[in-house]
Amino acid sequence: MSATNQLRADHDQVRRLERIVSKCADEIYKGSEIPFSDIEKITIVISEFVDTIHHSREEDSYFPCVASYDNLKEEIRKFMIEHEFGRNIARKISEYLKKWKNGEDAREPVARYLRTYSIFLYDHLNKENKFFDDAEANVLSKEEETEMYEQYRSVIAIVKKVEQMIAEIDWLETRKWYKN
């Protein structure tokens, strides 16, 4: 496997999360009862998988390697801005979920920010997948791809965390509100 293919595999899992987030927002808007613990689990997967693992792989190794060729720098800059935008949305989800749990009627802002995050993921993943195609075809060597992939796989704790986060996504897909 290559670094690009690892990031695509991450995107496959993030796409699953995007569908869960979208469905959760829809169900909240319909007035369905979604356990706070399920929404909290969504925020954990966003924080620990999407941001801490996936975006770190891109920001700390993949993007710098691609940028070192003076190619695609403008796209990388845009992705970095989008990553920060996603972090801001995720913070808002957590902020309003906390208010809702404390008795404030914050259903609508939680649903709104979940929907916003879902839209962000959908758009962002599509753009990044096109970027990966370009970087893979025109910039990165097979050696660089292999070296970055080995970096991704070298930290056992990260590999285990990814497995745990995928299990959390699996679990969220079994929830009654998601299957409706």
Protein backbone atom coordinates (compact mmCIF):
# COMPACT_ATOMS: atom_id res chain seq x y z
CA MET A 1 0.00 0.00 0.00
CA SER A 2 1.09 3.60 -0.51
CA ALA A 3 0.64 6.71 1.60
CA THR A 4 -1.93 8.00 -0.88
CA ASN A 5 -3.87 4.76 -0.71
CA GLN A 6 -3.77 4.86 3.10
CA LEU A 7 -5.26 8.35 3.02
CA ARG A 8 -7.91 7.14 0.57
CA ALA A 9 -8.69 4.27 2.95
CA ASP A 10 -9.04 6.83 5.76
CA HIS A 11 -11.42 8.75 3.50
CA ASP A 12 -13.55 5.63 3.06
CA GLN A 13 -14.03 5.53 6.84
CA VAL A 14 -14.58 9.29 7.06
CA ARG A 15 -17.23 8.99 4.31
CA ARG A 16 -19.05 6.48 6.53
CA LEU A 17 -18.84 8.98 9.39
CA GLU A 18 -20.16 11.72 7.09
CA ARG A 19 -23.30 9.64 6.44
CA ILE A 20 -23.75 9.03 10.18
CA VAL A 21 -23.36 12.74 10.97
CA SER A 22 -25.86 13.66 8.26
CA LYS A 23 -28.40 11.11 9.46
CA CYS A 24 -27.97 12.24 13.07
CA ALA A 25 -28.66 15.86 12.07
CA ASP A 26 -31.73 14.81 10.08
CA GLU A 27 -33.09 12.77 12.98
CA ILE A 28 -32.58 15.61 15.47
CA TYR A 29 -34.42 17.97 13.12
CA LYS A 30 -37.28 15.43 12.92
CA GLY A 31 -37.50 15.42 16.72
CA SER A 32 -36.12 11.91 17.17
CA GLU A 33 -34.44 11.11 20.47
CA ILE A 34 -30.74 10.56 19.90
CA PRO A 35 -28.84 9.56 23.03
CA PHE A 36 -26.31 12.18 24.05
CA SER A 37 -23.76 9.37 24.31
CA ASP A 38 -24.17 8.66 20.58
CA ILE A 39 -23.57 12.30 19.65
CA GLU A 40 -20.61 12.36 22.03
CA LYS A 41 -19.24 9.26 20.29
CA ILE A 42 -19.54 11.09 16.96
CA THR A 43 -17.56 14.02 18.38
CA ILE A 44 -14.90 11.62 19.68
CA VAL A 45 -14.50 10.00 16.27
CA ILE A 46 -14.26 13.45 14.68
CA SER A 47 -11.62 14.54 17.18
CA GLU A 48 -9.58 11.36 17.53
CA PHE A 49 -9.80 9.93 14.02
CA VAL A 50 -10.55 12.71 11.54
CA ASP A 51 -8.52 15.44 13.19
CA THR A 52 -5.85 13.82 15.34
CA ILE A 53 -4.98 10.92 13.03
CA HIS A 54 -6.12 11.60 9.47
CA HIS A 55 -5.53 15.34 9.26
CA SER A 56 -2.22 14.91 11.07
CA ARG A 57 -1.10 12.40 8.45
CA GLU A 58 -1.90 14.94 5.77
CA GLU A 59 -0.58 18.04 7.52
CA ASP A 60 2.57 16.56 9.07
CA SER A 61 3.85 14.40 6.25
CA TYR A 62 1.82 14.16 3.04
CA PHE A 63 1.29 17.86 2.36
CA PRO A 64 4.88 18.86 3.21
CA CYS A 65 6.24 16.14 0.93
CA VAL A 66 4.04 17.24 -1.97
CA ALA A 67 4.77 20.93 -1.31
CA SER A 68 8.52 20.29 -1.35
CA TYR A 69 8.19 19.99 -5.14
CA ASP A 70 6.59 23.45 -5.40
CA ASN A 71 3.52 21.74 -6.81
CA LEU A 72 -0.02 22.02 -5.56
CA LYS A 73 0.94 24.53 -2.84
CA GLU A 74 -2.20 26.61 -3.33
CA GLU A 75 -4.40 23.51 -2.97
CA ILE A 76 -2.53 22.52 0.19
CA ARG A 77 -3.04 25.99 1.67
CA LYS A 78 -6.78 25.69 1.00
CA PHE A 79 -6.92 22.25 2.61
CA MET A 80 -5.16 23.54 5.71
CA ILE A 81 -7.76 26.33 5.97
CA GLU A 82 -10.54 23.79 5.48
CA HIS A 83 -9.10 21.56 8.20
CA GLU A 84 -9.25 24.49 10.61
CA PHE A 85 -12.81 25.23 9.47
CA GLY A 86 -13.74 21.61 10.27
CA ARG A 87 -12.15 21.90 13.71
CA ASN A 88 -14.19 25.03 14.39
CA ILE A 89 -17.42 23.30 13.40
CA ALA A 90 -16.55 20.31 15.61
CA ARG A 91 -15.95 22.65 18.55
CA LYS A 92 -19.39 24.18 18.00
CA ILE A 93 -21.02 20.74 17.99
CA SER A 94 -19.37 19.97 21.34
CA GLU A 95 -20.19 23.40 22.76
CA TYR A 96 -23.90 23.17 21.96
CA LEU A 97 -24.11 19.51 22.94
CA LYS A 98 -22.79 20.46 26.38
CA LYS A 99 -25.46 23.18 26.66
CA TRP A 100 -28.14 20.72 25.57
CA LYS A 101 -26.99 18.17 28.13
CA ASN A 102 -27.16 20.90 30.80
CA GLY A 103 -30.83 21.49 30.06
CA GLU A 104 -30.67 24.30 27.52
CA ASP A 105 -32.70 23.78 24.34
CA ALA A 106 -29.79 23.43 21.95
CA ARG A 107 -31.20 20.74 19.67
CA GLU A 108 -31.30 23.04 16.67
CA PRO A 109 -27.70 24.33 16.90
CA VAL A 110 -26.42 20.77 17.46
CA ALA A 111 -28.33 19.60 14.39
CA ARG A 112 -27.21 22.65 12.38
CA TYR A 113 -23.54 22.15 13.17
CA LEU A 114 -23.78 18.41 12.54
CA ARG A 115 -25.32 19.13 9.15
CA THR A 116 -22.63 21.75 8.45
CA TYR A 117 -19.92 19.26 9.38
CA SER A 118 -21.46 16.64 7.10
CA ILE A 119 -21.53 19.08 4.18
CA PHE A 120 -17.94 20.09 4.94
CA LEU A 121 -16.79 16.45 4.92
CA TYR A 122 -18.59 15.64 1.69
CA ASP A 123 -17.09 18.59 -0.15
CA HIS A 124 -13.64 18.31 1.43
CA LEU A 125 -13.24 14.59 0.75
CA ASN A 126 -14.17 15.02 -2.91
CA LYS A 127 -11.58 17.78 -3.36
CA GLU A 128 -8.87 15.89 -1.50
CA ASN A 129 -9.45 12.71 -3.49
CA LYS A 130 -8.84 14.67 -6.71
CA PHE A 131 -5.73 16.19 -5.10
CA PHE A 132 -4.46 12.70 -4.20
CA ASP A 133 -4.91 11.58 -7.81
CA ASP A 134 -2.85 14.54 -9.00
CA ALA A 135 -0.13 14.15 -6.36
CA GLU A 136 0.15 10.43 -6.97
CA ALA A 137 0.33 10.78 -10.75
CA ASN A 138 2.53 13.86 -11.04
CA VAL A 139 4.52 14.50 -7.88
CA LEU A 140 5.32 11.66 -5.50
CA SER A 141 7.75 8.86 -6.25
CA LYS A 142 7.00 5.26 -5.30
CA GLU A 143 9.80 5.47 -2.72
CA GLU A 144 8.25 8.53 -1.07
CA GLU A 145 4.84 6.87 -1.06
CA THR A 146 6.27 3.76 0.58
CA GLU A 147 8.30 5.72 3.13
CA MET A 148 5.30 7.80 4.22
CA TYR A 149 3.11 4.70 4.40
CA GLU A 150 5.68 3.01 6.62
CA GLN A 151 5.63 6.08 8.87
CA TYR A 152 1.85 5.81 9.12
CA ARG A 153 2.07 2.14 10.06
CA SER A 154 5.09 2.39 12.37
CA VAL A 155 3.29 3.72 15.43
CA ILE A 156 1.38 0.76 16.78
CA ALA A 157 -0.68 2.95 19.09
CA ILE A 158 -1.98 4.89 16.07
CA VAL A 159 -2.78 1.67 14.18
CA LYS A 160 -4.72 0.41 17.21
CA LYS A 161 -6.51 3.76 17.59
CA VAL A 162 -7.59 3.64 13.94
CA GLU A 163 -8.98 0.14 14.50
CA GLN A 164 -10.82 1.40 17.59
CA MET A 165 -12.28 4.37 15.70
CA ILE A 166 -13.46 2.13 12.85
CA ALA A 167 -15.15 -0.08 15.46
CA GLU A 168 -16.88 3.05 16.82
CA ILE A 169 -18.12 3.89 13.30
CA ASP A 170 -19.33 0.29 12.95
CA TRP A 171 -21.21 0.63 16.23
CA LEU A 172 -22.81 3.94 15.29
CA GLU A 173 -24.11 2.33 12.10
CA THR A 174 -26.01 -0.19 14.23
CA ARG A 175 -27.94 2.43 16.18
CA LYS A 176 -31.71 2.39 15.78
CA TRP A 177 -31.88 6.09 14.81
CA TYR A 178 -29.31 5.48 12.07
CA LYS A 179 -31.07 2.48 10.59
CA ASN A 180 -34.49 4.25 10.40
